[in-house]
């Protein structure tokens, strides 16, 4: 079976498993398997398929940064967006702990703003794509993925069903992770269970945008040089 179709089918199983009151440990194992596929194999030690590694294979710095046309996303922007979303939702909303992103990462990434990118316009996306330190971004993404895998085993079935309170979501606005221009994202995260973020922001959201990055990579590869 195609790896993507298999992943999608297992994601449906994950959503059901995380709402079950029994065999929750098996649900976490399934989550870790799904999560491994949307991160580099290095952080999981998984020898299986990695969509992340497949998409980034053979891409140079120019390809990672290139915006196909004004109004579209670059691959580095997509990597930033999914990584920031996973970092801020899993750490702040699900586990109530500090994000991986901090002043040290801001310096290494050459991008001081914690904004997840949901409100960036086309010029801001282009500017971000030119400025961000791509190697540091790949390292930041790996650090976020490794952190998620480490803490998720501490989650209980009862905790997974708990609703994340509005003041907790407000923290993301207060610290600048969600821009005031992206209020819709605040509303989208409101009244969600902790399990929702495991099935959405730590897995499905990564999967969707990595596939988008893959389409961009294929288009860039098919174009003649300097076009």
N, C-alpha and C. Protein backbone atom coordinates (compact mmCIF):
# COMPACT_ATOMS: atom_id res chain seq x y z
N UNK A 1 0.83 -1.19 0.00
CA UNK A 1 0.00 0.00 0.00
C UNK A 1 0.87 1.24 0.00
N UNK A 2 0.42 2.28 -0.72
CA UNK A 2 1.15 3.53 -0.74
C UNK A 2 1.32 4.06 0.68
N UNK A 3 2.52 4.55 0.97
CA UNK A 3 2.84 4.98 2.34
C UNK A 3 1.92 6.09 2.81
N UNK A 4 1.57 7.02 1.93
CA UNK A 4 0.69 8.12 2.33
C UNK A 4 -0.72 7.62 2.65
N UNK A 5 -1.24 6.72 1.84
CA UNK A 5 -2.58 6.17 2.10
C UNK A 5 -2.58 5.39 3.40
N UNK A 6 -1.54 4.63 3.63
CA UNK A 6 -1.43 3.86 4.87
C UNK A 6 -1.39 4.81 6.07
N UNK A 7 -0.64 5.91 5.95
CA UNK A 7 -0.54 6.88 7.04
C UNK A 7 -1.92 7.47 7.33
N UNK A 8 -2.64 7.82 6.28
CA UNK A 8 -3.96 8.44 6.44
C UNK A 8 -4.93 7.48 7.13
N UNK A 9 -4.91 6.23 6.75
CA UNK A 9 -5.78 5.24 7.37
C UNK A 9 -5.44 5.07 8.85
N UNK A 10 -4.17 5.03 9.16
CA UNK A 10 -3.74 4.89 10.55
C UNK A 10 -4.08 6.14 11.37
N UNK A 11 -4.12 7.29 10.71
CA UNK A 11 -4.49 8.51 11.42
C UNK A 11 -5.94 8.45 11.88
N UNK A 12 -6.81 7.88 11.07
CA UNK A 12 -8.20 7.67 11.48
C UNK A 12 -8.26 6.75 12.70
N UNK A 13 -7.45 5.73 12.70
CA UNK A 13 -7.39 4.82 13.84
C UNK A 13 -6.90 5.55 15.09
N UNK A 14 -5.93 6.44 14.91
CA UNK A 14 -5.38 7.19 16.03
C UNK A 14 -6.45 8.06 16.69
N UNK A 15 -7.24 8.74 15.89
CA UNK A 15 -8.28 9.61 16.45
C UNK A 15 -9.24 8.81 17.33
N UNK A 16 -9.59 7.64 16.90
CA UNK A 16 -10.50 6.79 17.69
C UNK A 16 -9.80 6.25 18.93
N UNK A 17 -8.55 5.84 18.76
CA UNK A 17 -7.82 5.22 19.87
C UNK A 17 -7.59 6.21 21.01
N UNK A 18 -7.35 7.48 20.69
CA UNK A 18 -7.06 8.46 21.73
C UNK A 18 -8.30 8.84 22.54
N UNK A 19 -9.48 8.52 22.06
CA UNK A 19 -10.71 8.79 22.81
C UNK A 19 -11.16 7.58 23.62
N UNK A 20 -10.47 6.46 23.46
CA UNK A 20 -10.83 5.24 24.18
C UNK A 20 -10.32 5.30 25.62
N UNK A 21 -11.08 4.72 26.53
CA UNK A 21 -10.68 4.69 27.93
C UNK A 21 -9.81 3.47 28.24
N UNK A 22 -9.69 2.58 27.28
CA UNK A 22 -8.89 1.37 27.48
C UNK A 22 -7.74 1.31 26.47
N UNK A 23 -6.69 0.60 26.83
CA UNK A 23 -5.53 0.40 25.95
C UNK A 23 -4.94 1.72 25.46
N UNK A 24 -4.91 2.72 26.35
CA UNK A 24 -4.39 4.03 25.96
C UNK A 24 -2.92 3.96 25.59
N UNK A 25 -2.20 3.03 26.20
CA UNK A 25 -0.78 2.89 25.87
C UNK A 25 -0.60 2.51 24.40
N UNK A 26 -1.53 1.74 23.85
CA UNK A 26 -1.46 1.38 22.44
C UNK A 26 -1.74 2.60 21.55
N UNK A 27 -2.61 3.49 22.03
CA UNK A 27 -2.88 4.73 21.29
C UNK A 27 -1.62 5.59 21.22
N UNK A 28 -0.89 5.65 22.31
CA UNK A 28 0.34 6.45 22.33
C UNK A 28 1.38 5.83 21.40
N UNK A 29 1.48 4.52 21.37
CA UNK A 29 2.40 3.86 20.45
C UNK A 29 2.05 4.17 19.00
N UNK A 30 0.75 4.19 18.71
CA UNK A 30 0.31 4.53 17.35
C UNK A 30 0.64 5.98 17.05
N UNK A 31 0.43 6.87 18.02
CA UNK A 31 0.81 8.27 17.82
C UNK A 31 2.29 8.39 17.49
N UNK A 32 3.13 7.71 18.24
CA UNK A 32 4.57 7.80 18.02
C UNK A 32 4.96 7.32 16.62
N UNK A 33 4.25 6.30 16.14
CA UNK A 33 4.51 5.80 14.79
C UNK A 33 4.11 6.83 13.74
N UNK A 34 2.93 7.44 13.92
CA UNK A 34 2.46 8.46 12.99
C UNK A 34 3.35 9.70 13.03
N UNK A 35 3.74 10.07 14.23
CA UNK A 35 4.60 11.24 14.42
C UNK A 35 5.97 11.02 13.78
N UNK A 36 6.50 9.81 13.88
CA UNK A 36 7.81 9.50 13.31
C UNK A 36 7.82 9.73 11.81
N UNK A 37 6.71 9.49 11.16
CA UNK A 37 6.65 9.61 9.70
C UNK A 37 6.66 11.07 9.23
N UNK A 38 6.35 12.01 10.12
CA UNK A 38 6.33 13.42 9.71
C UNK A 38 7.52 14.19 10.29
N UNK A 39 8.51 13.44 10.77
CA UNK A 39 9.76 14.03 11.24
C UNK A 39 10.91 13.20 10.66
N UNK A 40 12.10 13.73 10.79
CA UNK A 40 13.25 12.98 10.30
C UNK A 40 13.42 11.69 11.08
N UNK A 41 13.85 10.65 10.40
CA UNK A 41 14.02 9.35 11.05
C UNK A 41 15.05 9.39 12.17
N UNK A 42 15.91 10.37 12.15
CA UNK A 42 16.97 10.45 13.16
C UNK A 42 16.42 10.62 14.57
N UNK A 43 15.31 11.32 14.73
CA UNK A 43 14.83 11.58 16.09
C UNK A 43 14.07 10.40 16.67
N UNK A 44 13.57 9.53 15.83
CA UNK A 44 12.81 8.39 16.32
C UNK A 44 13.60 7.09 16.26
N UNK A 45 14.66 7.09 15.44
CA UNK A 45 15.39 5.85 15.25
C UNK A 45 14.58 4.85 14.44
N UNK A 46 13.51 5.36 13.82
CA UNK A 46 12.61 4.51 13.04
C UNK A 46 13.20 4.28 11.65
N UNK A 47 13.31 3.03 11.27
CA UNK A 47 13.86 2.70 9.95
C UNK A 47 12.80 2.73 8.86
N UNK A 48 11.56 3.04 9.27
CA UNK A 48 10.47 3.06 8.31
C UNK A 48 10.43 4.34 7.50
N UNK A 49 9.32 4.54 6.81
CA UNK A 49 9.14 5.67 5.92
C UNK A 49 9.05 6.98 6.67
N UNK A 50 9.75 8.01 6.17
CA UNK A 50 9.67 9.37 6.73
C UNK A 50 9.32 10.32 5.60
N UNK A 51 8.15 10.92 5.68
CA UNK A 51 7.74 11.90 4.67
C UNK A 51 8.67 13.11 4.73
N UNK A 52 9.06 13.52 5.92
CA UNK A 52 9.99 14.63 6.09
C UNK A 52 11.28 14.39 5.31
N UNK A 53 11.89 13.23 5.51
CA UNK A 53 13.15 12.92 4.83
C UNK A 53 12.96 12.79 3.32
N UNK A 54 11.83 12.23 2.92
CA UNK A 54 11.54 12.08 1.50
C UNK A 54 11.44 13.43 0.80
N UNK A 55 10.75 14.37 1.42
CA UNK A 55 10.54 15.69 0.82
C UNK A 55 11.83 16.48 0.73
N UNK A 56 12.65 16.41 1.78
CA UNK A 56 13.85 17.25 1.83
C UNK A 56 15.06 16.63 1.13
N UNK A 57 14.95 15.39 0.72
CA UNK A 57 16.09 14.72 0.11
C UNK A 57 16.58 15.46 -1.14
N UNK A 58 17.86 15.81 -1.15
CA UNK A 58 18.47 16.42 -2.32
C UNK A 58 18.21 17.89 -2.52
N UNK A 59 17.47 18.53 -1.62
CA UNK A 59 17.17 19.95 -1.79
C UNK A 59 18.34 20.81 -1.30
N UNK A 60 18.72 21.81 -2.08
CA UNK A 60 19.78 22.72 -1.65
C UNK A 60 19.15 23.95 -0.99
N UNK A 61 20.01 24.83 -0.50
CA UNK A 61 19.55 26.01 0.23
C UNK A 61 18.64 26.89 -0.63
N UNK A 62 19.00 27.05 -1.89
CA UNK A 62 18.19 27.88 -2.79
C UNK A 62 16.79 27.31 -2.97
N UNK A 63 16.71 25.99 -3.13
CA UNK A 63 15.40 25.36 -3.31
C UNK A 63 14.54 25.49 -2.07
N UNK A 64 15.15 25.37 -0.90
CA UNK A 64 14.42 25.48 0.36
C UNK A 64 13.82 26.88 0.52
N UNK A 65 14.55 27.89 0.07
CA UNK A 65 14.13 29.28 0.28
C UNK A 65 13.22 29.82 -0.83
N UNK A 66 13.26 29.20 -1.96
CA UNK A 66 12.61 29.80 -3.13
C UNK A 66 11.09 29.84 -2.99
N UNK A 67 10.54 31.01 -3.24
CA UNK A 67 9.09 31.18 -3.29
C UNK A 67 8.68 31.01 -4.75
N UNK A 68 7.92 29.97 -5.09
CA UNK A 68 7.59 29.71 -6.51
C UNK A 68 7.07 30.95 -7.23
N UNK A 69 6.15 31.65 -6.61
CA UNK A 69 5.68 32.94 -7.13
C UNK A 69 5.09 33.70 -5.95
N UNK A 70 5.07 35.03 -6.07
CA UNK A 70 4.58 35.86 -4.98
C UNK A 70 3.17 35.43 -4.59
N UNK A 71 2.98 35.24 -3.30
CA UNK A 71 1.68 34.78 -2.81
C UNK A 71 1.69 33.32 -2.43
N UNK A 72 2.76 32.60 -2.81
CA UNK A 72 2.89 31.20 -2.44
C UNK A 72 3.94 31.05 -1.33
N UNK A 73 3.99 29.86 -0.76
CA UNK A 73 4.90 29.59 0.35
C UNK A 73 6.20 28.97 -0.14
N UNK A 74 7.26 29.23 0.58
CA UNK A 74 8.52 28.52 0.35
C UNK A 74 8.55 27.29 1.24
N UNK A 75 9.48 26.39 0.98
CA UNK A 75 9.60 25.19 1.80
C UNK A 75 10.07 25.55 3.21
N UNK A 76 11.00 26.53 3.33
CA UNK A 76 11.43 26.89 4.68
C UNK A 76 10.30 27.52 5.48
N UNK A 77 9.43 28.28 4.81
CA UNK A 77 8.29 28.84 5.54
C UNK A 77 7.38 27.73 6.04
N UNK A 78 7.13 26.74 5.20
CA UNK A 78 6.27 25.62 5.60
C UNK A 78 6.87 24.86 6.78
N UNK A 79 8.19 24.65 6.75
CA UNK A 79 8.86 23.97 7.85
C UNK A 79 8.76 24.79 9.13
N UNK A 80 8.95 26.11 9.01
CA UNK A 80 8.81 26.99 10.17
C UNK A 80 7.40 26.92 10.73
N UNK A 81 6.43 27.03 9.88
CA UNK A 81 5.02 27.06 10.29
C UNK A 81 4.62 25.79 11.04
N UNK A 82 4.91 24.64 10.47
CA UNK A 82 4.49 23.40 11.14
C UNK A 82 5.27 23.15 12.42
N UNK A 83 6.52 23.59 12.44
CA UNK A 83 7.34 23.38 13.64
C UNK A 83 6.89 24.30 14.77
N UNK A 84 6.63 25.57 14.44
CA UNK A 84 6.14 26.49 15.47
C UNK A 84 4.78 26.03 16.00
N UNK A 85 3.91 25.60 15.11
CA UNK A 85 2.59 25.14 15.53
C UNK A 85 2.71 23.95 16.48
N UNK A 86 3.55 22.98 16.14
CA UNK A 86 3.73 21.82 17.02
C UNK A 86 4.34 22.24 18.35
N UNK A 87 5.36 23.08 18.29
CA UNK A 87 6.04 23.52 19.51
C UNK A 87 5.05 24.21 20.45
N UNK A 88 4.34 25.20 19.96
CA UNK A 88 3.50 26.01 20.84
C UNK A 88 2.26 25.28 21.32
N UNK A 89 1.70 24.41 20.50
CA UNK A 89 0.48 23.72 20.94
C UNK A 89 0.78 22.53 21.86
N UNK A 90 1.77 21.75 21.52
CA UNK A 90 2.07 20.58 22.35
C UNK A 90 2.65 21.01 23.69
N UNK A 91 3.58 21.94 23.68
CA UNK A 91 4.22 22.35 24.93
C UNK A 91 3.33 23.27 25.77
N UNK A 92 2.77 24.30 25.17
CA UNK A 92 1.96 25.25 25.94
C UNK A 92 0.56 24.72 26.24
N UNK A 93 -0.13 24.22 25.23
CA UNK A 93 -1.53 23.84 25.41
C UNK A 93 -1.71 22.46 26.01
N UNK A 94 -0.95 21.49 25.56
CA UNK A 94 -1.15 20.12 26.04
C UNK A 94 -0.44 19.86 27.36
N UNK A 95 0.80 20.33 27.49
CA UNK A 95 1.59 19.98 28.67
C UNK A 95 1.89 21.15 29.60
N UNK A 96 1.52 22.37 29.23
CA UNK A 96 1.70 23.51 30.11
C UNK A 96 3.14 23.76 30.51
N UNK A 97 4.04 23.60 29.55
CA UNK A 97 5.46 23.79 29.82
C UNK A 97 6.04 24.75 28.80
N UNK A 98 7.26 25.27 29.05
CA UNK A 98 7.86 26.22 28.10
C UNK A 98 8.06 25.61 26.72
N UNK A 99 7.94 26.45 25.70
CA UNK A 99 8.22 26.01 24.34
C UNK A 99 9.72 25.76 24.17
N UNK A 100 10.06 25.03 23.12
CA UNK A 100 11.47 24.85 22.76
C UNK A 100 12.04 26.17 22.24
N UNK A 101 11.22 26.91 21.47
CA UNK A 101 11.66 28.20 20.93
C UNK A 101 11.96 29.16 22.06
N UNK A 102 13.12 29.80 22.02
CA UNK A 102 13.51 30.78 23.03
C UNK A 102 14.50 31.76 22.41
N UNK A 103 15.09 32.62 23.21
CA UNK A 103 15.98 33.65 22.67
C UNK A 103 17.21 33.05 22.01
N UNK A 104 17.67 31.89 22.51
CA UNK A 104 18.83 31.24 21.91
C UNK A 104 18.50 30.75 20.50
N UNK A 105 17.33 30.11 20.38
CA UNK A 105 16.91 29.65 19.05
C UNK A 105 16.66 30.84 18.13
N UNK A 106 16.09 31.91 18.67
CA UNK A 106 15.83 33.10 17.86
C UNK A 106 17.12 33.62 17.25
N UNK A 107 18.19 33.62 18.03
CA UNK A 107 19.49 34.08 17.53
C UNK A 107 20.04 33.12 16.49
N UNK A 108 19.95 31.84 16.76
CA UNK A 108 20.48 30.85 15.82
C UNK A 108 19.72 30.86 14.50
N UNK A 109 18.42 31.08 14.59
CA UNK A 109 17.57 31.07 13.40
C UNK A 109 17.63 32.38 12.63
N UNK A 110 18.20 33.41 13.26
CA UNK A 110 18.25 34.74 12.65
C UNK A 110 16.85 35.29 12.39
N UNK A 111 15.92 34.90 13.29
CA UNK A 111 14.54 35.37 13.18
C UNK A 111 14.00 35.53 14.59
N UNK A 112 13.87 36.77 15.08
CA UNK A 112 13.56 37.00 16.49
C UNK A 112 12.09 36.86 16.88
N UNK A 113 11.20 36.74 15.92
CA UNK A 113 9.77 36.72 16.23
C UNK A 113 9.25 35.29 16.42
N UNK A 114 8.45 35.06 17.48
CA UNK A 114 7.90 33.72 17.71
C UNK A 114 6.65 33.42 16.89
N UNK A 115 6.18 34.40 16.11
CA UNK A 115 4.96 34.24 15.31
C UNK A 115 5.00 32.95 14.50
N UNK A 116 3.93 32.19 14.55
CA UNK A 116 3.88 30.90 13.84
C UNK A 116 3.71 31.08 12.34
N UNK A 117 3.48 32.30 11.89
CA UNK A 117 3.40 32.57 10.45
C UNK A 117 1.99 32.58 9.89
N UNK A 118 0.99 32.27 10.70
CA UNK A 118 -0.38 32.16 10.18
C UNK A 118 -0.92 33.47 9.64
N UNK A 119 -0.35 34.61 10.08
CA UNK A 119 -0.86 35.91 9.64
C UNK A 119 0.07 36.61 8.66
N UNK A 120 1.16 35.97 8.26
CA UNK A 120 2.12 36.63 7.37
C UNK A 120 1.52 36.84 5.98
N UNK A 121 1.76 38.03 5.43
CA UNK A 121 1.33 38.28 4.06
C UNK A 121 2.43 37.84 3.10
N UNK A 122 2.21 38.00 1.80
CA UNK A 122 3.13 37.46 0.80
C UNK A 122 4.51 38.10 0.89
N UNK A 123 4.57 39.39 1.21
CA UNK A 123 5.87 40.05 1.32
C UNK A 123 6.62 39.58 2.56
N UNK A 124 5.90 39.35 3.64
CA UNK A 124 6.52 38.85 4.87
C UNK A 124 7.03 37.43 4.68
N UNK A 125 6.28 36.61 3.95
CA UNK A 125 6.74 35.25 3.67
C UNK A 125 8.02 35.28 2.84
N UNK A 126 8.08 36.15 1.84
CA UNK A 126 9.27 36.27 1.01
C UNK A 126 10.46 36.76 1.82
N UNK A 127 10.23 37.73 2.70
CA UNK A 127 11.30 38.26 3.55
C UNK A 127 11.79 37.19 4.51
N UNK A 128 10.87 36.49 5.14
CA UNK A 128 11.24 35.40 6.05
C UNK A 128 12.07 34.36 5.32
N UNK A 129 11.65 33.98 4.13
CA UNK A 129 12.33 32.92 3.38
C UNK A 129 13.76 33.29 3.03
N UNK A 130 14.00 34.58 2.84
CA UNK A 130 15.35 35.03 2.51
C UNK A 130 16.24 35.12 3.75
N UNK A 131 15.65 35.38 4.92
CA UNK A 131 16.43 35.65 6.12
C UNK A 131 16.71 34.44 6.99
N UNK A 132 15.78 33.52 7.08
CA UNK A 132 15.89 32.43 8.06
C UNK A 132 17.14 31.59 7.81
N UNK A 133 17.77 31.13 8.88
CA UNK A 133 18.92 30.22 8.75
C UNK A 133 18.37 28.81 8.57
N UNK A 134 18.42 28.30 7.36
CA UNK A 134 17.80 27.01 7.04
C UNK A 134 18.38 25.84 7.84
N UNK A 135 19.70 25.71 7.97
CA UNK A 135 20.25 24.59 8.77
C UNK A 135 19.77 24.63 10.23
N UNK A 136 19.71 25.84 10.81
CA UNK A 136 19.22 25.96 12.18
C UNK A 136 17.74 25.60 12.27
N UNK A 137 16.99 25.93 11.24
CA UNK A 137 15.57 25.58 11.22
C UNK A 137 15.37 24.07 11.24
N UNK A 138 16.18 23.34 10.48
CA UNK A 138 16.10 21.89 10.47
C UNK A 138 16.43 21.34 11.86
N UNK A 139 17.41 21.95 12.53
CA UNK A 139 17.77 21.51 13.87
C UNK A 139 16.67 21.83 14.87
N UNK A 140 16.07 23.00 14.73
CA UNK A 140 14.96 23.38 15.62
C UNK A 140 13.79 22.41 15.45
N UNK A 141 13.50 22.07 14.21
CA UNK A 141 12.41 21.13 13.94
C UNK A 141 12.68 19.78 14.61
N UNK A 142 13.92 19.32 14.53
CA UNK A 142 14.27 18.05 15.16
C UNK A 142 14.14 18.14 16.68
N UNK A 143 14.52 19.28 17.25
CA UNK A 143 14.42 19.46 18.70
C UNK A 143 12.97 19.44 19.16
N UNK A 144 12.09 20.07 18.39
CA UNK A 144 10.67 20.07 18.72
C UNK A 144 10.09 18.66 18.63
N UNK A 145 10.43 17.96 17.56
CA UNK A 145 9.93 16.60 17.40
C UNK A 145 10.39 15.68 18.51
N UNK A 146 11.66 15.80 18.87
CA UNK A 146 12.20 14.95 19.94
C UNK A 146 11.53 15.26 21.27
N UNK A 147 11.25 16.54 21.53
CA UNK A 147 10.57 16.92 22.77
C UNK A 147 9.16 16.34 22.84
N UNK A 148 8.44 16.43 21.73
CA UNK A 148 7.08 15.87 21.68
C UNK A 148 7.11 14.39 22.02
N UNK A 149 8.02 13.67 21.44
CA UNK A 149 8.11 12.23 21.66
C UNK A 149 8.46 11.91 23.11
N UNK A 150 9.24 12.76 23.72
CA UNK A 150 9.66 12.52 25.10
C UNK A 150 8.51 12.72 26.09
N UNK A 151 7.72 13.78 25.89
CA UNK A 151 6.71 14.11 26.89
C UNK A 151 5.39 13.38 26.69
N UNK A 152 5.12 12.90 25.49
CA UNK A 152 3.79 12.34 25.23
C UNK A 152 3.52 11.07 26.04
N UNK A 153 4.56 10.37 26.42
CA UNK A 153 4.37 9.15 27.21
C UNK A 153 3.85 9.45 28.60
N UNK A 154 3.91 10.72 29.03
CA UNK A 154 3.43 11.12 30.35
C UNK A 154 1.93 11.40 30.35
N UNK A 155 1.32 11.44 29.19
CA UNK A 155 -0.10 11.78 29.08
C UNK A 155 -0.97 10.57 29.42
N UNK A 156 -1.98 10.80 30.24
CA UNK A 156 -2.92 9.73 30.60
C UNK A 156 -4.17 9.84 29.75
N UNK A 157 -4.99 8.78 29.76
CA UNK A 157 -6.24 8.78 29.00
C UNK A 157 -7.17 9.87 29.49
N UNK A 158 -7.22 10.07 30.80
CA UNK A 158 -8.09 11.11 31.37
C UNK A 158 -7.62 12.50 30.95
N UNK A 159 -6.32 12.72 30.98
CA UNK A 159 -5.77 14.01 30.58
C UNK A 159 -6.03 14.29 29.11
N UNK A 160 -5.95 13.25 28.29
CA UNK A 160 -6.17 13.42 26.85
C UNK A 160 -7.57 13.92 26.54
N UNK A 161 -8.54 13.62 27.40
CA UNK A 161 -9.92 14.04 27.17
C UNK A 161 -10.23 15.42 27.77
N UNK A 162 -9.28 15.99 28.50
CA UNK A 162 -9.50 17.29 29.12
C UNK A 162 -9.54 18.41 28.08
N UNK A 163 -10.36 19.42 28.35
CA UNK A 163 -10.45 20.59 27.48
C UNK A 163 -9.37 21.59 27.86
N UNK A 164 -8.68 22.11 26.88
CA UNK A 164 -7.68 23.15 27.12
C UNK A 164 -8.42 24.46 27.36
N UNK A 165 -8.16 25.10 28.50
CA UNK A 165 -8.90 26.29 28.90
C UNK A 165 -8.49 27.52 28.09
N UNK A 166 -9.41 28.45 27.94
CA UNK A 166 -9.18 29.67 27.16
C UNK A 166 -7.97 30.46 27.65
N UNK A 167 -7.76 30.64 28.97
CA UNK A 167 -6.58 31.39 29.42
C UNK A 167 -5.27 30.75 28.96
N UNK A 168 -5.27 29.44 28.81
CA UNK A 168 -4.07 28.75 28.33
C UNK A 168 -3.81 29.08 26.86
N UNK A 169 -4.87 29.11 26.07
CA UNK A 169 -4.73 29.48 24.66
C UNK A 169 -4.31 30.95 24.54
N UNK A 170 -4.82 31.78 25.45
CA UNK A 170 -4.49 33.21 25.43
C UNK A 170 -2.99 33.43 25.60
N UNK A 171 -2.31 32.52 26.28
CA UNK A 171 -0.87 32.66 26.47
C UNK A 171 -0.14 32.74 25.12
N UNK A 172 -0.65 32.02 24.13
CA UNK A 172 -0.01 32.02 22.82
C UNK A 172 -0.11 33.38 22.15
N UNK A 173 -1.20 34.09 22.43
CA UNK A 173 -1.36 35.45 21.91
C UNK A 173 -0.46 36.41 22.68
N UNK A 174 -0.47 36.26 24.00
CA UNK A 174 0.30 37.18 24.86
C UNK A 174 1.80 37.13 24.56
N UNK A 175 2.30 35.94 24.23
CA UNK A 175 3.74 35.80 23.98
C UNK A 175 4.11 36.02 22.52
N UNK A 176 3.13 36.24 21.66
CA UNK A 176 3.40 36.54 20.26
C UNK A 176 3.44 35.34 19.33
N UNK A 177 3.13 34.14 19.84
CA UNK A 177 3.11 32.96 18.96
C UNK A 177 1.95 33.04 17.97
N UNK A 178 0.84 33.59 18.43
CA UNK A 178 -0.30 33.86 17.55
C UNK A 178 -0.45 35.36 17.43
N UNK A 179 -0.33 35.89 16.24
CA UNK A 179 -0.48 37.32 16.00
C UNK A 179 -1.94 37.74 16.21
N UNK A 180 -2.12 39.00 16.57
CA UNK A 180 -3.48 39.53 16.69
C UNK A 180 -4.22 39.47 15.36
N UNK A 181 -3.47 39.46 14.26
CA UNK A 181 -4.09 39.36 12.94
C UNK A 181 -4.60 37.95 12.65
N UNK A 182 -4.19 36.99 13.48
CA UNK A 182 -4.60 35.59 13.27
C UNK A 182 -5.54 35.13 14.37
N UNK A 183 -6.51 35.99 14.72
CA UNK A 183 -7.44 35.67 15.80
C UNK A 183 -8.22 34.39 15.52
N UNK A 184 -8.43 34.11 14.23
CA UNK A 184 -9.14 32.88 13.87
C UNK A 184 -8.45 31.64 14.41
N UNK A 185 -7.11 31.69 14.52
CA UNK A 185 -6.38 30.54 15.04
C UNK A 185 -6.64 30.36 16.53
N UNK A 186 -6.71 31.48 17.25
CA UNK A 186 -7.07 31.43 18.67
C UNK A 186 -8.43 30.76 18.83
N UNK A 187 -9.38 31.17 18.03
CA UNK A 187 -10.72 30.58 18.11
C UNK A 187 -10.71 29.11 17.74
N UNK A 188 -9.89 28.73 16.76
CA UNK A 188 -9.81 27.34 16.32
C UNK A 188 -9.28 26.44 17.44
N UNK A 189 -8.36 26.95 18.24
CA UNK A 189 -7.78 26.15 19.32
C UNK A 189 -8.63 26.12 20.58
N UNK A 190 -9.60 27.00 20.67
CA UNK A 190 -10.42 27.11 21.87
C UNK A 190 -11.38 25.93 21.99
N UNK A 191 -11.54 25.44 23.23
CA UNK A 191 -12.46 24.34 23.56
C UNK A 191 -12.10 23.02 22.87
N UNK A 192 -10.81 22.81 22.68
CA UNK A 192 -10.32 21.55 22.11
C UNK A 192 -9.77 20.67 23.23
N UNK A 193 -9.85 19.38 23.03
CA UNK A 193 -9.24 18.47 23.99
C UNK A 193 -7.74 18.40 23.75
N UNK A 194 -7.01 17.92 24.74
CA UNK A 194 -5.58 17.74 24.54
C UNK A 194 -5.32 16.73 23.43
N UNK A 195 -6.15 15.70 23.34
CA UNK A 195 -5.97 14.68 22.30
C UNK A 195 -6.08 15.28 20.91
N UNK A 196 -6.91 16.31 20.75
CA UNK A 196 -7.07 16.96 19.45
C UNK A 196 -5.72 17.41 18.92
N UNK A 197 -4.89 17.99 19.78
CA UNK A 197 -3.62 18.53 19.32
C UNK A 197 -2.63 17.43 18.93
N UNK A 198 -2.78 16.26 19.52
CA UNK A 198 -1.93 15.13 19.10
C UNK A 198 -2.31 14.67 17.69
N UNK A 199 -3.60 14.65 17.42
CA UNK A 199 -4.04 14.17 16.11
C UNK A 199 -4.00 15.24 15.04
N UNK A 200 -3.95 16.49 15.46
CA UNK A 200 -3.96 17.58 14.48
C UNK A 200 -2.60 18.26 14.38
N UNK A 201 -2.23 19.04 15.38
CA UNK A 201 -1.05 19.90 15.22
C UNK A 201 0.28 19.17 15.28
N UNK A 202 0.31 17.98 15.89
CA UNK A 202 1.57 17.23 15.96
C UNK A 202 1.69 16.19 14.85
N UNK A 203 0.61 15.95 14.12
CA UNK A 203 0.65 14.91 13.09
C UNK A 203 0.00 15.36 11.77
N UNK A 204 -1.32 15.49 11.73
CA UNK A 204 -2.00 15.81 10.47
C UNK A 204 -1.54 17.12 9.85
N UNK A 205 -1.37 18.14 10.68
CA UNK A 205 -0.93 19.44 10.17
C UNK A 205 0.45 19.34 9.53
N UNK A 206 1.35 18.58 10.17
CA UNK A 206 2.66 18.32 9.58
C UNK A 206 2.53 17.61 8.24
N UNK A 207 1.69 16.59 8.21
CA UNK A 207 1.51 15.76 7.01
C UNK A 207 1.00 16.59 5.84
N UNK A 208 0.01 17.45 6.09
CA UNK A 208 -0.58 18.27 5.04
C UNK A 208 0.47 19.20 4.42
N UNK A 209 1.21 19.90 5.27
CA UNK A 209 2.15 20.89 4.76
C UNK A 209 3.44 20.26 4.22
N UNK A 210 3.83 19.10 4.72
CA UNK A 210 4.97 18.41 4.12
C UNK A 210 4.62 17.95 2.70
N UNK A 211 3.38 17.52 2.50
CA UNK A 211 2.95 17.18 1.15
C UNK A 211 2.96 18.41 0.25
N UNK A 212 2.57 19.56 0.80
CA UNK A 212 2.64 20.81 0.04
C UNK A 212 4.09 21.12 -0.32
N UNK A 213 5.00 20.94 0.64
CA UNK A 213 6.43 21.17 0.37
C UNK A 213 6.93 20.22 -0.71
N UNK A 214 6.45 18.99 -0.69
CA UNK A 214 6.84 18.03 -1.71
C UNK A 214 6.41 18.44 -3.10
N UNK A 215 5.21 19.00 -3.20
CA UNK A 215 4.73 19.48 -4.51
C UNK A 215 5.58 20.64 -4.99
N UNK A 216 5.96 21.53 -4.08
CA UNK A 216 6.82 22.66 -4.46
C UNK A 216 8.18 22.14 -4.95
N UNK A 217 8.74 21.17 -4.22
CA UNK A 217 10.04 20.62 -4.60
C UNK A 217 9.99 19.99 -5.99
N UNK A 218 8.91 19.29 -6.28
CA UNK A 218 8.79 18.65 -7.60
C UNK A 218 8.66 19.70 -8.71
N UNK A 219 7.93 20.78 -8.44
CA UNK A 219 7.80 21.83 -9.44
C UNK A 219 9.13 22.52 -9.71
N UNK A 220 9.88 22.79 -8.64
CA UNK A 220 11.17 23.42 -8.79
C UNK A 220 12.13 22.53 -9.58
N UNK A 221 12.06 21.24 -9.33
CA UNK A 221 12.95 20.29 -10.01
C UNK A 221 12.64 20.19 -11.50
N UNK A 222 11.37 20.45 -11.86
CA UNK A 222 10.97 20.31 -13.27
C UNK A 222 11.22 21.57 -14.09
N UNK A 223 11.60 22.66 -13.41
CA UNK A 223 11.81 23.92 -14.14
C UNK A 223 13.24 23.99 -14.68
N UNK A 224 13.39 24.64 -15.83
CA UNK A 224 14.76 24.87 -16.35
C UNK A 224 15.52 25.78 -15.39
N UNK A 225 16.83 25.69 -15.35
CA UNK A 225 17.64 26.55 -14.48
C UNK A 225 17.37 28.04 -14.71
N UNK A 226 17.43 28.79 -13.59
CA UNK A 226 17.31 30.26 -13.62
C UNK A 226 15.93 30.76 -14.00
N UNK A 227 14.93 29.84 -13.89
CA UNK A 227 13.56 30.30 -14.17
C UNK A 227 12.76 30.26 -12.89
